[in-house]
Amino acid sequence: MDLWNIDKLLIFIAFVIPGFLLLKTNAVLGLEPIADSSKQVVDAVAYSCLNYGLLFWPILMVENSSLRASNQGMYFAFYAFVVLVSPVLLALLWRRLRTTQLLQRILPHPVAKPWDYVFRQRQPYWVIVTFKDGKQIAGRYDARSFSSASPAPEQLYLQETWVQNSEGGFERPRTNTAGILVLGSEIRAVELVNVLLEETDGDKANTTGSGSKGLAADTP
């Protein structure tokens, strides 16, 4: 097939590109598994048709108006929105709806793994990681930390590692360390403790004194 024939190229853009954009946005948002694009052509066409179906009335109004003759810039901008922007907005809206309590009664949560659900929120935590051999490490997950996301295997980078006290709490940060990488295959459990407002990066002094003792007392 001569894809570069202008008519065939327009058909390809109109009925494949919007669906692919929607599928790729879904994959980034965790709503769809990342798949080979060559196997998603039928799905892309179906999603493109859904996109046009939802925008049927705006498209009909534009086509029945004199916009194409009076303002071609606005006319082509409208179809650029339909083809390139609308699919992304639909994916974002669908993810928003999927996270509501109403839809979760009949549909599963769009994020499949608790690992992704917790760490995608990008909240700071004090972290205690227990390995399969029973050993533990303690650290801080904050703005400079990082966690992997599906479909990559679970891995965690903690920007700080801390020495634990006899009660299992956080005694002090280890010196001369740039953090630690933790492999998910070796983890048995990850305990998360909320970071208090006074324990932010700008006020670390509170965490090494009475603040760390209070945290230790609250940590089982």
N, C-alpha and C. Protein backbone atom coordinates (compact mmCIF):
# COMPACT_ATOMS: atom_id res chain seq x y z
N MET A 1 0.85 -1.19 0.00
CA MET A 1 0.00 0.00 0.00
C MET A 1 0.88 1.24 0.00
N ASP A 2 0.57 2.17 -0.87
CA ASP A 2 1.32 3.43 -0.95
C ASP A 2 0.78 4.39 0.11
N LEU A 3 1.42 4.35 1.29
CA LEU A 3 0.93 5.15 2.42
C LEU A 3 1.08 6.64 2.14
N TRP A 4 2.03 7.01 1.28
CA TRP A 4 2.29 8.42 1.05
C TRP A 4 1.33 9.04 0.05
N ASN A 5 0.42 8.25 -0.52
CA ASN A 5 -0.69 8.83 -1.28
C ASN A 5 -1.48 9.72 -0.34
N ILE A 6 -1.77 10.94 -0.77
CA ILE A 6 -2.34 11.94 0.13
C ILE A 6 -3.65 11.49 0.76
N ASP A 7 -4.50 10.80 -0.01
CA ASP A 7 -5.78 10.34 0.54
C ASP A 7 -5.57 9.28 1.61
N LYS A 8 -4.67 8.34 1.33
CA LYS A 8 -4.41 7.27 2.29
C LYS A 8 -3.72 7.83 3.54
N LEU A 9 -2.86 8.82 3.34
CA LEU A 9 -2.19 9.43 4.48
C LEU A 9 -3.19 10.14 5.39
N LEU A 10 -4.15 10.84 4.80
CA LEU A 10 -5.18 11.53 5.60
C LEU A 10 -6.04 10.53 6.36
N ILE A 11 -6.38 9.40 5.70
CA ILE A 11 -7.17 8.37 6.39
C ILE A 11 -6.38 7.79 7.56
N PHE A 12 -5.08 7.55 7.33
CA PHE A 12 -4.23 7.02 8.40
C PHE A 12 -4.18 7.99 9.58
N ILE A 13 -3.97 9.26 9.29
CA ILE A 13 -3.90 10.27 10.35
C ILE A 13 -5.23 10.36 11.10
N ALA A 14 -6.32 10.32 10.35
CA ALA A 14 -7.63 10.52 10.95
C ALA A 14 -8.08 9.34 11.80
N PHE A 15 -7.78 8.11 11.38
CA PHE A 15 -8.35 6.95 12.06
C PHE A 15 -7.34 6.09 12.82
N VAL A 16 -6.08 6.47 12.81
CA VAL A 16 -5.09 5.70 13.56
C VAL A 16 -4.39 6.57 14.61
N ILE A 17 -3.97 7.76 14.23
CA ILE A 17 -3.20 8.62 15.14
C ILE A 17 -3.97 8.94 16.43
N PRO A 18 -5.25 9.36 16.38
CA PRO A 18 -5.94 9.66 17.65
C PRO A 18 -5.99 8.45 18.58
N GLY A 19 -6.25 7.27 18.01
CA GLY A 19 -6.30 6.07 18.84
C GLY A 19 -4.96 5.74 19.45
N PHE A 20 -3.89 5.88 18.67
CA PHE A 20 -2.56 5.63 19.21
C PHE A 20 -2.23 6.60 20.33
N LEU A 21 -2.58 7.87 20.16
CA LEU A 21 -2.32 8.84 21.22
C LEU A 21 -3.06 8.46 22.50
N LEU A 22 -4.31 8.03 22.35
CA LEU A 22 -5.08 7.64 23.52
C LEU A 22 -4.47 6.41 24.18
N LEU A 23 -4.06 5.42 23.37
CA LEU A 23 -3.46 4.21 23.92
C LEU A 23 -2.15 4.51 24.64
N LYS A 24 -1.32 5.35 24.02
CA LYS A 24 -0.03 5.67 24.63
C LYS A 24 -0.20 6.47 25.91
N THR A 25 -1.18 7.38 25.92
CA THR A 25 -1.45 8.13 27.15
C THR A 25 -1.95 7.19 28.23
N ASN A 26 -2.83 6.25 27.86
CA ASN A 26 -3.30 5.25 28.82
C ASN A 26 -2.14 4.45 29.40
N ALA A 27 -1.17 4.09 28.54
CA ALA A 27 -0.03 3.31 29.01
C ALA A 27 0.82 4.11 29.99
N VAL A 28 1.03 5.39 29.69
CA VAL A 28 1.81 6.25 30.59
C VAL A 28 1.10 6.40 31.93
N LEU A 29 -0.22 6.48 31.90
CA LEU A 29 -1.01 6.64 33.12
C LEU A 29 -1.24 5.33 33.86
N GLY A 30 -0.81 4.22 33.26
CA GLY A 30 -0.99 2.93 33.90
C GLY A 30 -2.34 2.29 33.65
N LEU A 31 -3.11 2.80 32.70
CA LEU A 31 -4.42 2.25 32.40
C LEU A 31 -4.36 1.10 31.41
N GLU A 32 -3.29 1.01 30.64
CA GLU A 32 -3.12 -0.02 29.64
C GLU A 32 -1.70 -0.58 29.76
N PRO A 33 -1.52 -1.88 29.52
CA PRO A 33 -0.16 -2.41 29.47
C PRO A 33 0.58 -1.87 28.26
N ILE A 34 1.89 -1.67 28.40
CA ILE A 34 2.70 -1.23 27.27
C ILE A 34 2.82 -2.39 26.29
N ALA A 35 2.39 -2.18 25.06
CA ALA A 35 2.35 -3.25 24.07
C ALA A 35 3.00 -2.80 22.78
N ASP A 36 3.28 -3.77 21.92
CA ASP A 36 3.85 -3.50 20.61
C ASP A 36 2.83 -2.72 19.78
N SER A 37 3.25 -1.58 19.25
CA SER A 37 2.33 -0.73 18.50
C SER A 37 1.74 -1.44 17.29
N SER A 38 2.51 -2.35 16.69
CA SER A 38 2.01 -3.05 15.51
C SER A 38 0.83 -3.96 15.83
N LYS A 39 0.65 -4.30 17.10
CA LYS A 39 -0.46 -5.17 17.51
C LYS A 39 -1.65 -4.37 18.01
N GLN A 40 -1.56 -3.04 17.93
CA GLN A 40 -2.62 -2.21 18.48
C GLN A 40 -3.36 -1.41 17.41
N VAL A 41 -3.17 -1.77 16.15
CA VAL A 41 -3.79 -1.00 15.08
C VAL A 41 -5.30 -1.03 15.19
N VAL A 42 -5.86 -2.24 15.39
CA VAL A 42 -7.32 -2.37 15.49
C VAL A 42 -7.84 -1.58 16.68
N ASP A 43 -7.15 -1.67 17.82
CA ASP A 43 -7.56 -0.91 19.01
C ASP A 43 -7.47 0.59 18.74
N ALA A 44 -6.42 1.00 18.02
CA ALA A 44 -6.25 2.42 17.72
C ALA A 44 -7.40 2.94 16.86
N VAL A 45 -7.80 2.16 15.85
CA VAL A 45 -8.92 2.56 14.99
C VAL A 45 -10.21 2.65 15.81
N ALA A 46 -10.41 1.68 16.71
CA ALA A 46 -11.62 1.68 17.53
C ALA A 46 -11.66 2.90 18.44
N TYR A 47 -10.53 3.22 19.08
CA TYR A 47 -10.48 4.39 19.95
C TYR A 47 -10.63 5.69 19.16
N SER A 48 -10.10 5.71 17.93
CA SER A 48 -10.29 6.89 17.08
C SER A 48 -11.77 7.12 16.79
N CYS A 49 -12.46 6.03 16.48
CA CYS A 49 -13.90 6.13 16.21
C CYS A 49 -14.65 6.60 17.45
N LEU A 50 -14.24 6.11 18.61
CA LEU A 50 -14.86 6.57 19.86
C LEU A 50 -14.63 8.06 20.06
N ASN A 51 -13.43 8.50 19.78
CA ASN A 51 -13.10 9.93 19.88
C ASN A 51 -14.02 10.76 19.00
N TYR A 52 -14.20 10.33 17.74
CA TYR A 52 -15.08 11.07 16.83
C TYR A 52 -16.54 10.98 17.25
N GLY A 53 -16.91 9.84 17.80
CA GLY A 53 -18.30 9.70 18.26
C GLY A 53 -18.63 10.66 19.38
N LEU A 54 -17.69 10.83 20.32
CA LEU A 54 -17.92 11.75 21.43
C LEU A 54 -17.92 13.21 20.98
N LEU A 55 -17.22 13.49 19.88
CA LEU A 55 -17.15 14.86 19.36
C LEU A 55 -18.04 15.05 18.13
N PHE A 56 -19.02 14.18 17.99
CA PHE A 56 -19.85 14.21 16.78
C PHE A 56 -20.55 15.56 16.61
N TRP A 57 -21.17 16.07 17.67
CA TRP A 57 -21.93 17.31 17.54
C TRP A 57 -21.04 18.52 17.27
N PRO A 58 -19.91 18.69 17.96
CA PRO A 58 -19.01 19.80 17.60
C PRO A 58 -18.51 19.71 16.16
N ILE A 59 -18.17 18.50 15.72
CA ILE A 59 -17.71 18.34 14.34
C ILE A 59 -18.82 18.69 13.35
N LEU A 60 -20.03 18.24 13.65
CA LEU A 60 -21.17 18.53 12.77
C LEU A 60 -21.44 20.02 12.70
N MET A 61 -21.35 20.70 13.85
CA MET A 61 -21.59 22.15 13.88
C MET A 61 -20.53 22.90 13.06
N VAL A 62 -19.28 22.48 13.18
CA VAL A 62 -18.21 23.13 12.42
C VAL A 62 -18.39 22.91 10.93
N GLU A 63 -18.75 21.69 10.53
CA GLU A 63 -18.90 21.38 9.12
C GLU A 63 -20.11 22.08 8.51
N ASN A 64 -21.12 22.33 9.32
CA ASN A 64 -22.31 23.02 8.82
C ASN A 64 -22.19 24.54 8.90
N SER A 65 -21.09 25.01 9.44
CA SER A 65 -20.88 26.45 9.53
C SER A 65 -20.02 26.92 8.36
N SER A 66 -19.75 28.20 8.35
CA SER A 66 -18.91 28.78 7.29
C SER A 66 -17.48 28.99 7.77
N LEU A 67 -17.09 28.27 8.84
CA LEU A 67 -15.79 28.50 9.45
C LEU A 67 -14.65 28.20 8.48
N ARG A 68 -14.79 27.15 7.67
CA ARG A 68 -13.70 26.79 6.76
C ARG A 68 -13.43 27.90 5.75
N ALA A 69 -14.47 28.55 5.28
CA ALA A 69 -14.29 29.62 4.29
C ALA A 69 -13.89 30.93 4.94
N SER A 70 -14.41 31.20 6.13
CA SER A 70 -14.18 32.50 6.77
C SER A 70 -12.90 32.55 7.59
N ASN A 71 -12.49 31.42 8.18
CA ASN A 71 -11.30 31.42 9.04
C ASN A 71 -10.65 30.03 8.99
N GLN A 72 -9.81 29.82 7.99
CA GLN A 72 -9.19 28.52 7.82
C GLN A 72 -8.26 28.16 8.98
N GLY A 73 -7.63 29.17 9.58
CA GLY A 73 -6.75 28.91 10.71
C GLY A 73 -7.50 28.27 11.87
N MET A 74 -8.67 28.84 12.21
CA MET A 74 -9.48 28.28 13.28
C MET A 74 -10.02 26.90 12.90
N TYR A 75 -10.35 26.74 11.63
CA TYR A 75 -10.89 25.46 11.15
C TYR A 75 -9.85 24.35 11.34
N PHE A 76 -8.62 24.57 10.91
CA PHE A 76 -7.59 23.54 11.04
C PHE A 76 -7.15 23.39 12.50
N ALA A 77 -7.23 24.46 13.27
CA ALA A 77 -6.91 24.36 14.70
C ALA A 77 -7.93 23.47 15.40
N PHE A 78 -9.20 23.57 15.00
CA PHE A 78 -10.23 22.71 15.58
C PHE A 78 -9.93 21.25 15.31
N TYR A 79 -9.57 20.91 14.08
CA TYR A 79 -9.29 19.51 13.78
C TYR A 79 -7.97 19.04 14.37
N ALA A 80 -7.03 19.96 14.57
CA ALA A 80 -5.81 19.59 15.30
C ALA A 80 -6.17 19.21 16.73
N PHE A 81 -7.10 19.95 17.32
CA PHE A 81 -7.57 19.61 18.67
C PHE A 81 -8.26 18.25 18.67
N VAL A 82 -9.11 18.00 17.67
CA VAL A 82 -9.84 16.73 17.60
C VAL A 82 -8.88 15.55 17.46
N VAL A 83 -7.87 15.69 16.62
CA VAL A 83 -6.98 14.57 16.31
C VAL A 83 -5.88 14.40 17.34
N LEU A 84 -5.32 15.51 17.85
CA LEU A 84 -4.12 15.42 18.68
C LEU A 84 -4.34 15.67 20.17
N VAL A 85 -5.29 16.53 20.50
CA VAL A 85 -5.47 16.93 21.90
C VAL A 85 -6.60 16.15 22.57
N SER A 86 -7.70 16.01 21.88
CA SER A 86 -8.86 15.33 22.46
C SER A 86 -8.56 13.92 22.97
N PRO A 87 -7.80 13.07 22.23
CA PRO A 87 -7.50 11.73 22.75
C PRO A 87 -6.76 11.75 24.08
N VAL A 88 -5.83 12.69 24.22
CA VAL A 88 -5.08 12.79 25.48
C VAL A 88 -6.00 13.22 26.61
N LEU A 89 -6.88 14.19 26.35
CA LEU A 89 -7.82 14.64 27.38
C LEU A 89 -8.78 13.53 27.77
N LEU A 90 -9.21 12.73 26.79
CA LEU A 90 -10.10 11.60 27.09
C LEU A 90 -9.42 10.59 28.01
N ALA A 91 -8.14 10.31 27.74
CA ALA A 91 -7.40 9.37 28.59
C ALA A 91 -7.27 9.91 30.01
N LEU A 92 -6.98 11.21 30.13
CA LEU A 92 -6.85 11.82 31.46
C LEU A 92 -8.19 11.80 32.20
N LEU A 93 -9.27 12.10 31.48
CA LEU A 93 -10.59 12.08 32.09
C LEU A 93 -10.97 10.67 32.52
N TRP A 94 -10.65 9.67 31.68
CA TRP A 94 -10.99 8.29 32.01
C TRP A 94 -10.22 7.82 33.24
N ARG A 95 -8.96 8.22 33.35
CA ARG A 95 -8.21 7.85 34.55
C ARG A 95 -8.80 8.52 35.78
N ARG A 96 -9.21 9.77 35.63
CA ARG A 96 -9.83 10.48 36.76
C ARG A 96 -11.10 9.77 37.21
N LEU A 97 -11.90 9.36 36.25
CA LEU A 97 -13.14 8.66 36.59
C LEU A 97 -12.86 7.29 37.22
N ARG A 98 -11.82 6.61 36.74
CA ARG A 98 -11.50 5.29 37.26
C ARG A 98 -11.05 5.32 38.71
N THR A 99 -10.58 6.47 39.18
CA THR A 99 -10.13 6.57 40.56
C THR A 99 -11.23 7.01 41.52
N THR A 100 -12.43 7.27 41.02
CA THR A 100 -13.54 7.66 41.89
C THR A 100 -14.10 6.43 42.59
N GLN A 101 -14.65 6.64 43.77
CA GLN A 101 -15.22 5.54 44.54
C GLN A 101 -16.39 4.89 43.81
N LEU A 102 -17.15 5.68 43.06
CA LEU A 102 -18.31 5.15 42.36
C LEU A 102 -17.91 4.09 41.34
N LEU A 103 -16.95 4.41 40.48
CA LEU A 103 -16.54 3.46 39.45
C LEU A 103 -15.73 2.30 40.02
N GLN A 104 -15.04 2.52 41.15
CA GLN A 104 -14.27 1.43 41.74
C GLN A 104 -15.16 0.34 42.31
N ARG A 105 -16.45 0.62 42.45
CA ARG A 105 -17.38 -0.42 42.88
C ARG A 105 -17.61 -1.46 41.79
N ILE A 106 -17.41 -1.05 40.53
CA ILE A 106 -17.67 -1.98 39.43
C ILE A 106 -16.44 -2.23 38.57
N LEU A 107 -15.40 -1.37 38.69
CA LEU A 107 -14.18 -1.52 37.90
C LEU A 107 -12.98 -1.51 38.83
N PRO A 108 -11.93 -2.26 38.50
CA PRO A 108 -10.72 -2.23 39.34
C PRO A 108 -10.03 -0.89 39.25
N HIS A 109 -9.22 -0.60 40.26
CA HIS A 109 -8.44 0.64 40.25
C HIS A 109 -7.48 0.62 39.07
N PRO A 110 -7.27 1.75 38.38
CA PRO A 110 -6.40 1.75 37.20
C PRO A 110 -4.95 1.42 37.49
N VAL A 111 -4.48 1.65 38.72
CA VAL A 111 -3.11 1.30 39.08
C VAL A 111 -3.12 -0.12 39.64
N ALA A 112 -2.42 -1.02 38.97
CA ALA A 112 -2.54 -2.43 39.30
C ALA A 112 -1.78 -2.83 40.57
N LYS A 113 -0.64 -2.18 40.84
CA LYS A 113 0.21 -2.60 41.95
C LYS A 113 0.22 -1.57 43.08
N PRO A 114 0.15 -2.04 44.34
CA PRO A 114 0.26 -1.11 45.47
C PRO A 114 1.56 -0.32 45.45
N TRP A 115 2.65 -0.93 44.97
CA TRP A 115 3.93 -0.24 44.86
C TRP A 115 3.78 1.05 44.05
N ASP A 116 3.16 0.93 42.86
CA ASP A 116 2.95 2.11 42.02
C ASP A 116 1.99 3.09 42.66
N TYR A 117 0.92 2.57 43.28
CA TYR A 117 -0.09 3.44 43.88
C TYR A 117 0.52 4.32 44.96
N VAL A 118 1.39 3.74 45.80
CA VAL A 118 1.98 4.49 46.91
C VAL A 118 3.01 5.49 46.41
N PHE A 119 3.96 5.01 45.60
CA PHE A 119 5.09 5.87 45.25
C PHE A 119 4.77 6.88 44.16
N ARG A 120 3.69 6.68 43.40
CA ARG A 120 3.30 7.70 42.42
C ARG A 120 2.78 8.96 43.09
N GLN A 121 2.39 8.87 44.34
CA GLN A 121 1.89 10.05 45.04
C GLN A 121 3.01 11.01 45.43
N ARG A 122 4.26 10.54 45.34
CA ARG A 122 5.43 11.37 45.61
C ARG A 122 5.37 12.05 46.98
N GLN A 123 4.87 11.33 47.96
CA GLN A 123 4.86 11.83 49.33
C GLN A 123 6.15 11.43 50.03
N PRO A 124 6.69 12.28 50.93
CA PRO A 124 7.89 11.90 51.67
C PRO A 124 7.56 10.90 52.78
N TYR A 125 8.47 9.96 53.01
CA TYR A 125 8.28 8.96 54.05
C TYR A 125 9.63 8.63 54.70
N TRP A 126 9.55 8.25 55.97
CA TRP A 126 10.62 7.47 56.58
C TRP A 126 10.34 6.02 56.22
N VAL A 127 11.36 5.31 55.79
CA VAL A 127 11.16 3.96 55.25
C VAL A 127 12.02 2.96 56.00
N ILE A 128 11.40 1.83 56.36
CA ILE A 128 12.13 0.69 56.91
C ILE A 128 11.90 -0.48 55.97
N VAL A 129 12.97 -0.96 55.34
CA VAL A 129 12.89 -2.07 54.40
C VAL A 129 13.38 -3.33 55.10
N THR A 130 12.54 -4.37 55.09
CA THR A 130 12.92 -5.67 55.66
C THR A 130 13.18 -6.63 54.51
N PHE A 131 14.36 -7.25 54.51
CA PHE A 131 14.73 -8.17 53.45
C PHE A 131 14.30 -9.60 53.79
N LYS A 132 14.41 -10.45 52.82
CA LYS A 132 13.98 -11.84 52.99
C LYS A 132 14.81 -12.57 54.04
N ASP A 133 16.05 -12.13 54.25
CA ASP A 133 16.89 -12.78 55.27
C ASP A 133 16.69 -12.18 56.65
N GLY A 134 15.75 -11.23 56.79
CA GLY A 134 15.44 -10.63 58.08
C GLY A 134 16.18 -9.34 58.38
N LYS A 135 17.20 -9.01 57.60
CA LYS A 135 17.93 -7.77 57.82
C LYS A 135 17.06 -6.57 57.44
N GLN A 136 17.38 -5.42 58.05
CA GLN A 136 16.62 -4.21 57.78
C GLN A 136 17.55 -3.05 57.44
N ILE A 137 17.03 -2.14 56.64
CA ILE A 137 17.69 -0.86 56.43
C ILE A 137 16.63 0.23 56.63
N ALA A 138 17.08 1.38 57.09
CA ALA A 138 16.18 2.51 57.31
C ALA A 138 16.67 3.68 56.47
N GLY A 139 15.75 4.46 55.97
CA GLY A 139 16.13 5.60 55.15
C GLY A 139 15.00 6.56 54.95
N ARG A 140 15.28 7.58 54.15
CA ARG A 140 14.31 8.63 53.89
C ARG A 140 13.98 8.67 52.41
N TYR A 141 12.70 8.61 52.10
CA TYR A 141 12.21 8.75 50.73
C TYR A 141 11.62 10.15 50.60
N ASP A 142 12.28 10.98 49.74
CA ASP A 142 11.85 12.37 49.63
C ASP A 142 12.03 12.85 48.20
N ALA A 143 12.17 14.15 48.02
CA ALA A 143 12.16 14.74 46.69
C ALA A 143 13.26 14.20 45.78
N ARG A 144 14.42 13.86 46.33
CA ARG A 144 15.52 13.36 45.52
C ARG A 144 15.56 11.84 45.45
N SER A 145 14.57 11.18 46.02
CA SER A 145 14.46 9.72 45.93
C SER A 145 13.72 9.33 44.66
N PHE A 146 13.71 8.03 44.39
CA PHE A 146 13.06 7.56 43.16
C PHE A 146 12.61 6.13 43.34
N SER A 147 11.48 5.80 42.70
CA SER A 147 10.97 4.43 42.69
C SER A 147 10.62 4.05 41.27
N SER A 148 10.82 2.79 40.93
CA SER A 148 10.49 2.32 39.59
C SER A 148 8.97 2.19 39.46
N ALA A 149 8.51 2.10 38.22
CA ALA A 149 7.09 1.97 37.94
C ALA A 149 6.89 0.82 36.96
N SER A 150 5.71 0.21 37.00
CA SER A 150 5.40 -0.89 36.09
C SER A 150 5.54 -0.42 34.65
N PRO A 151 6.02 -1.32 33.77
CA PRO A 151 6.29 -2.75 33.98
C PRO A 151 7.70 -3.05 34.46
N ALA A 152 8.49 -2.05 34.80
CA ALA A 152 9.84 -2.30 35.31
C ALA A 152 9.75 -3.00 36.66
N PRO A 153 10.73 -3.85 37.00
CA PRO A 153 10.72 -4.51 38.32
C PRO A 153 10.86 -3.48 39.43
N GLU A 154 10.33 -3.83 40.60
CA GLU A 154 10.33 -2.90 41.72
C GLU A 154 11.75 -2.63 42.21
N GLN A 155 12.15 -1.37 42.17
CA GLN A 155 13.42 -0.92 42.72
C GLN A 155 13.19 0.42 43.39
N LEU A 156 13.99 0.69 44.42
CA LEU A 156 13.78 1.88 45.22
C LEU A 156 15.12 2.55 45.50
N TYR A 157 15.16 3.85 45.28
CA TYR A 157 16.35 4.63 45.67
C TYR A 157 15.96 5.55 46.82
N LEU A 158 16.62 5.38 47.96
CA LEU A 158 16.42 6.23 49.13
C LEU A 158 17.57 7.22 49.19
N GLN A 159 17.25 8.50 49.24
CA GLN A 159 18.28 9.54 49.17
C GLN A 159 19.13 9.60 50.43
N GLU A 160 18.63 9.05 51.53
CA GLU A 160 19.40 8.99 52.78
C GLU A 160 19.23 7.62 53.41
N THR A 161 20.29 7.11 54.02
CA THR A 161 20.17 5.93 54.87
C THR A 161 20.44 6.35 56.31
N TRP A 162 19.70 5.73 57.22
CA TRP A 162 19.78 6.11 58.63
C TRP A 162 20.16 4.91 59.49
N VAL A 163 20.83 5.20 60.59
CA VAL A 163 21.15 4.19 61.59
C VAL A 163 19.93 4.02 62.49
N GLN A 164 19.53 2.76 62.70
CA GLN A 164 18.39 2.50 63.59
C GLN A 164 18.87 2.36 65.03
N ASN A 165 18.02 2.80 65.97
CA ASN A 165 18.36 2.64 67.38
C ASN A 165 17.84 1.31 67.90
N SER A 166 18.00 1.07 69.16
CA SER A 166 17.63 -0.21 69.76
C SER A 166 16.13 -0.46 69.71
N GLU A 167 15.35 0.60 69.59
CA GLU A 167 13.89 0.45 69.54
C GLU A 167 13.38 0.31 68.10
N GLY A 168 14.29 0.30 67.12
CA GLY A 168 13.87 0.16 65.73
C GLY A 168 13.54 1.48 65.08
N GLY A 169 13.81 2.61 65.76
CA GLY A 169 13.53 3.92 65.20
C GLY A 169 14.73 4.48 64.46
N PHE A 170 14.66 5.75 64.11
CA PHE A 170 15.69 6.41 63.31
C PHE A 170 16.59 7.22 64.25
N GLU A 171 17.84 6.81 64.39
CA GLU A 171 18.76 7.46 65.33
C GLU A 171 19.46 8.66 64.70
N ARG A 172 20.12 8.46 63.56
CA ARG A 172 20.87 9.52 62.90
C ARG A 172 21.15 9.10 61.46
N PRO A 173 21.39 10.07 60.57
CA PRO A 173 21.74 9.70 59.19
C PRO A 173 23.16 9.18 59.13
N ARG A 174 23.37 8.23 58.26
CA ARG A 174 24.74 7.74 58.04
C ARG A 174 25.55 8.83 57.36
N THR A 175 26.81 8.91 57.71
CA THR A 175 27.68 9.94 57.14
C THR A 175 28.31 9.45 55.84
N ASN A 176 28.66 10.41 54.97
CA ASN A 176 29.35 10.12 53.72
C ASN A 176 28.62 9.09 52.87
N THR A 177 27.30 9.19 52.82
CA THR A 177 26.53 8.30 51.97
C THR A 177 25.65 9.12 51.03
N ALA A 178 25.49 8.62 49.83
CA ALA A 178 24.63 9.28 48.84
C ALA A 178 23.32 8.53 48.66
N GLY A 179 22.92 7.77 49.67
CA GLY A 179 21.68 7.02 49.59
C GLY A 179 21.94 5.56 49.28
N ILE A 180 20.87 4.84 48.97
CA ILE A 180 20.98 3.41 48.74
C ILE A 180 19.95 2.96 47.71
N LEU A 181 20.34 2.00 46.87
CA LEU A 181 19.43 1.37 45.91
C LEU A 181 18.97 0.05 46.49
N VAL A 182 17.67 -0.17 46.45
CA VAL A 182 17.08 -1.39 47.01
C VAL A 182 16.40 -2.15 45.88
N LEU A 183 16.74 -3.44 45.74
CA LEU A 183 16.15 -4.28 44.70
C LEU A 183 14.90 -4.96 45.23
N GLY A 184 13.81 -4.85 44.50
CA GLY A 184 12.54 -5.39 44.95
C GLY A 184 12.54 -6.90 45.12
N SER A 185 13.37 -7.60 44.36
CA SER A 185 13.40 -9.06 44.45
C SER A 185 13.90 -9.55 45.81
N GLU A 186 14.59 -8.68 46.55
CA GLU A 186 15.13 -9.06 47.86
C GLU A 186 14.26 -8.57 49.01
N ILE A 187 13.19 -7.84 48.72
CA ILE A 187 12.38 -7.22 49.77
C ILE A 187 11.27 -8.16 50.24
N ARG A 188 11.08 -8.22 51.56
CA ARG A 188 9.93 -8.92 52.12
C ARG A 188 8.83 -7.96 52.51
N ALA A 189 9.22 -6.78 53.03
CA ALA A 189 8.22 -5.79 53.45
C ALA A 189 8.85 -4.40 53.43
N VAL A 190 8.01 -3.39 53.20
CA VAL A 190 8.42 -1.99 53.26
C VAL A 190 7.47 -1.27 54.19
N GLU A 191 8.01 -0.74 55.28
CA GLU A 191 7.19 0.03 56.23
C GLU A 191 7.39 1.51 55.98
N LEU A 192 6.29 2.25 55.91
CA LEU A 192 6.35 3.69 55.64
C LEU A 192 5.84 4.45 56.86
N VAL A 193 6.59 5.47 57.24
CA VAL A 193 6.21 6.32 58.37
C VAL A 193 6.10 7.75 57.85
N ASN A 194 5.01 8.41 58.16
CA ASN A 194 4.79 9.77 57.66
C ASN A 194 5.87 10.72 58.14
N VAL A 195 6.28 11.62 57.24
CA VAL A 195 7.23 12.67 57.58
C VAL A 195 6.44 13.86 58.11
N LEU A 196 6.81 14.36 59.29
CA LEU A 196 6.13 15.49 59.88
C LEU A 196 6.56 16.78 59.20
N LEU A 197 5.77 17.83 59.35
CA LEU A 197 6.07 19.10 58.70
C LEU A 197 7.42 19.66 59.15
N GLU A 198 7.77 19.47 60.42
CA GLU A 198 9.02 20.02 60.91
C GLU A 198 10.22 19.18 60.51
N GLU A 199 9.96 18.07 59.80
CA GLU A 199 11.05 17.19 59.40
C GLU A 199 11.36 17.31 57.90
N THR A 200 11.07 18.47 57.32
CA THR A 200 11.33 18.70 55.91
C THR A 200 12.81 18.89 55.67
N ASP A 201 13.20 18.91 54.39
CA ASP A 201 14.62 19.07 54.04
C ASP A 201 15.20 20.36 54.59
N GLY A 202 14.37 21.39 54.73
CA GLY A 202 14.86 22.66 55.22
C GLY A 202 15.04 22.71 56.73
N ASP A 203 14.64 21.65 57.44
CA ASP A 203 14.71 21.66 58.90
C ASP A 203 15.16 20.31 59.40
N LYS A 204 16.26 19.78 58.83
CA LYS A 204 16.73 18.45 59.17
C LYS A 204 17.20 18.35 60.62
N ALA A 205 17.55 19.49 61.22
CA ALA A 205 18.08 19.43 62.58
C ALA A 205 17.10 18.80 63.54
N ASN A 206 15.82 18.99 63.29
CA ASN A 206 14.80 18.44 64.19
C ASN A 206 14.76 16.92 64.15
N THR A 207 15.21 16.30 63.05
CA THR A 207 15.10 14.86 62.92
C THR A 207 16.21 14.13 63.65
N THR A 208 17.30 14.81 63.94
CA THR A 208 18.44 14.14 64.56
C THR A 208 18.43 14.27 66.07
N GLY A 209 17.56 15.12 66.59
CA GLY A 209 17.50 15.28 68.03
C GLY A 209 16.24 14.65 68.58
N SER A 210 15.42 15.49 69.25
CA SER A 210 14.22 14.97 69.88
C SER A 210 13.24 14.44 68.86
N GLY A 211 13.27 14.97 67.62
CA GLY A 211 12.35 14.49 66.60
C GLY A 211 12.56 13.04 66.29
N SER A 212 13.83 12.60 66.18
CA SER A 212 14.09 11.19 65.86
C SER A 212 13.71 10.28 67.02
N LYS A 213 13.85 10.75 68.26
CA LYS A 213 13.45 9.94 69.40
C LYS A 213 11.93 9.75 69.40
N GLY A 214 11.20 10.83 69.08
CA GLY A 214 9.76 10.70 69.02
C GLY A 214 9.33 9.75 67.93
N LEU A 215 10.04 9.77 66.81
CA LEU A 215 9.72 8.86 65.73
C LEU A 215 9.98 7.43 66.14
N ALA A 216 11.08 7.22 66.83
CA ALA A 216 11.41 5.88 67.29
C ALA A 216 10.35 5.35 68.24
N ALA A 217 9.83 6.24 69.10
CA ALA A 217 8.82 5.79 70.04
C ALA A 217 7.54 5.38 69.35
N ASP A 218 7.26 6.03 68.20
CA ASP A 218 6.02 5.72 67.48
C ASP A 218 6.17 4.55 66.54
N THR A 219 7.41 4.10 66.28
CA THR A 219 7.65 3.03 65.34
C THR A 219 7.62 1.70 66.04
N PRO A 220 6.77 0.76 65.61
CA PRO A 220 6.71 -0.53 66.30
C PRO A 220 7.99 -1.34 66.12
